């Protein structure tokens, strides 16, 4: 069956290049890609994951300036500067 599709030019160039290096045709590459997409999306969805969180419920997140201050202090501490 013939069907017309209109992929972006850049994608079409990549597909033609892949077909040439694979010794295939553009139709063969499109068929292979479509088959791979449809079979992968037909699989059972993965089980939802649990988000792990730490800290007390309702705890306040540090502000950007607090984070920068902590990073600056850590960086200065790692320099091992002698006090005069």
C-alpha atoms as a PDB file:
ATOM      1  CA  UNK A   1       0.000   0.000   0.000  1.00  0.00           C
ATOM      2  CA  UNK A   2       1.339   3.440  -0.852  1.00  0.00           C
ATOM      3  CA  UNK A   3       1.154   6.224   1.697  1.00  0.00           C
ATOM      4  CA  UNK A   4       2.532   9.735   1.614  1.00  0.00           C
ATOM      5  CA  UNK A   5       4.387  11.083   4.641  1.00  0.00           C
ATOM      6  CA  UNK A   6       6.130  14.441   5.007  1.00  0.00           C
ATOM      7  CA  UNK A   7       9.050  14.184   7.452  1.00  0.00           C
ATOM      8  CA  UNK A   8      11.309  17.193   7.983  1.00  0.00           C
ATOM      9  CA  UNK A   9      14.023  17.502   5.315  1.00  0.00           C
ATOM     10  CA  UNK A  10      16.811  16.962   7.850  1.00  0.00           C
ATOM     11  CA  UNK A  11      15.244  13.682   9.016  1.00  0.00           C
ATOM     12  CA  UNK A  12      14.725  12.542   5.444  1.00  0.00           C
ATOM     13  CA  UNK A  13      18.403  13.231   4.632  1.00  0.00           C
ATOM     14  CA  UNK A  14      19.481  11.182   7.659  1.00  0.00           C
ATOM     15  CA  UNK A  15      17.184   8.319   6.670  1.00  0.00           C
ATOM     16  CA  UNK A  16      18.479   8.305   3.094  1.00  0.00           C
ATOM     17  CA  UNK A  17      22.065   8.354   4.345  1.00  0.00           C
ATOM     18  CA  UNK A  18      21.339   5.463   6.733  1.00  0.00           C
ATOM     19  CA  UNK A  19      19.682   3.504   3.921  1.00  0.00           C
ATOM     20  CA  UNK A  20      22.735   3.979   1.728  1.00  0.00           C
ATOM     21  CA  UNK A  21      25.213   2.866   4.379  1.00  0.00           C
ATOM     22  CA  UNK A  22      23.016  -0.074   5.389  1.00  0.00           C
ATOM     23  CA  UNK A  23      22.548  -1.235   1.807  1.00  0.00           C
ATOM     24  CA  UNK A  24      18.803  -0.730   2.140  1.00  0.00           C
ATOM     25  CA  UNK A  25      16.161   1.498   0.634  1.00  0.00           C
ATOM     26  CA  UNK A  26      14.439   4.493   2.166  1.00  0.00           C
ATOM     27  CA  UNK A  27      11.250   2.441   2.289  1.00  0.00           C
ATOM     28  CA  UNK A  28      13.081  -0.349   4.107  1.00  0.00           C
ATOM     29  CA  UNK A  29      14.538   2.040   6.683  1.00  0.00           C
ATOM     30  CA  UNK A  30      11.144   3.691   7.312  1.00  0.00           C
ATOM     31  CA  UNK A  31       9.493   0.276   7.654  1.00  0.00           C
ATOM     32  CA  UNK A  32      12.183  -0.892  10.081  1.00  0.00           C
ATOM     33  CA  UNK A  33      11.920   2.287  12.170  1.00  0.00           C
ATOM     34  CA  UNK A  34       8.119   2.154  12.262  1.00  0.00           C
ATOM     35  CA  UNK A  35       8.156  -1.508  13.263  1.00  0.00           C
ATOM     36  CA  UNK A  36      10.685  -0.824  16.039  1.00  0.00           C
ATOM     37  CA  UNK A  37       8.634   2.103  17.332  1.00  0.00           C
ATOM     38  CA  UNK A  38       5.347   0.228  17.321  1.00  0.00           C
ATOM     39  CA  UNK A  39       6.710  -2.880  18.999  1.00  0.00           C
ATOM     40  CA  UNK A  40       8.525  -0.907  21.697  1.00  0.00           C
ATOM     41  CA  UNK A  41       5.477   1.203  22.533  1.00  0.00           C
ATOM     42  CA  UNK A  42       3.266  -1.899  22.641  1.00  0.00           C
ATOM     43  CA  UNK A  43       5.188  -3.295  25.616  1.00  0.00           C
ATOM     44  CA  UNK A  44       3.733  -3.175  29.079  1.00  0.00           C
ATOM     45  CA  UNK A  45       4.519   0.138  30.767  1.00  0.00           C
ATOM     46  CA  UNK A  46       7.120  -0.010  33.503  1.00  0.00           C
ATOM     47  CA  UNK A  47       5.897   0.035  37.062  1.00  0.00           C
ATOM     48  CA  UNK A  48       5.813   3.505  38.538  1.00  0.00           C
ATOM     49  CA  UNK A  49       8.813   4.357  40.647  1.00  0.00           C
ATOM     50  CA  UNK A  50       8.819   5.721  44.154  1.00  0.00           C
ATOM     51  CA  UNK A  51      10.385   9.106  44.744  1.00  0.00           C
ATOM     52  CA  UNK A  52      12.675   8.957  47.748  1.00  0.00           C
ATOM     53  CA  UNK A  53      12.756  12.084  49.850  1.00  0.00           C
ATOM     54  CA  UNK A  54      14.730  13.011  52.923  1.00  0.00           C
ATOM     55  CA  UNK A  55      14.201  15.443  55.732  1.00  0.00           C
ATOM     56  CA  UNK A  56      11.296  16.410  57.883  1.00  0.00           C
ATOM     57  CA  UNK A  57       7.865  16.806  56.358  1.00  0.00           C
ATOM     58  CA  UNK A  58       7.208  20.457  55.648  1.00  0.00           C
ATOM     59  CA  UNK A  59      10.884  21.377  55.983  1.00  0.00           C
ATOM     60  CA  UNK A  60      12.026  24.598  54.310  1.00  0.00           C
ATOM     61  CA  UNK A  61      14.195  24.295  51.224  1.00  0.00           C
ATOM     62  CA  UNK A  62      17.335  26.431  51.218  1.00  0.00           C
ATOM     63  CA  UNK A  63      17.275  29.591  49.141  1.00  0.00           C
ATOM     64  CA  UNK A  64      19.641  30.194  46.252  1.00  0.00           C
ATOM     65  CA  UNK A  65      21.750  32.561  48.371  1.00  0.00           C
ATOM     66  CA  UNK A  66      21.959  29.987  51.183  1.00  0.00           C
ATOM     67  CA  UNK A  67      23.136  27.335  48.720  1.00  0.00           C
ATOM     68  CA  UNK A  68      25.730  29.706  47.236  1.00  0.00           C
ATOM     69  CA  UNK A  69      26.962  30.608  50.714  1.00  0.00           C
ATOM     70  CA  UNK A  70      27.338  26.949  51.665  1.00  0.00           C
ATOM     71  CA  UNK A  71      29.203  26.180  48.440  1.00  0.00           C
ATOM     72  CA  UNK A  72      31.505  29.185  48.928  1.00  0.00           C
ATOM     73  CA  UNK A  73      32.240  28.132  52.512  1.00  0.00           C
ATOM     74  CA  UNK A  74      32.961  24.572  51.382  1.00  0.00           C
ATOM     75  CA  UNK A  75      35.265  25.801  48.631  1.00  0.00           C
ATOM     76  CA  UNK A  76      37.143  28.120  50.979  1.00  0.00           C
ATOM     77  CA  UNK A  77      37.469  25.315  53.532  1.00  0.00           C
ATOM     78  CA  UNK A  78      39.005  23.023  50.932  1.00  0.00           C
ATOM     79  CA  UNK A  79      41.727  25.566  50.121  1.00  0.00           C
ATOM     80  CA  UNK A  80      43.398  25.027  53.533  1.00  0.00           C
ATOM     81  CA  UNK A  81      44.378  28.672  53.812  1.00  0.00           C
ATOM     82  CA  UNK A  82      46.588  29.539  56.782  1.00  0.00           C
ATOM     83  CA  UNK A  83      45.410  32.319  59.015  1.00  0.00           C
ATOM     84  CA  UNK A  84      47.948  35.117  59.565  1.00  0.00           C
END
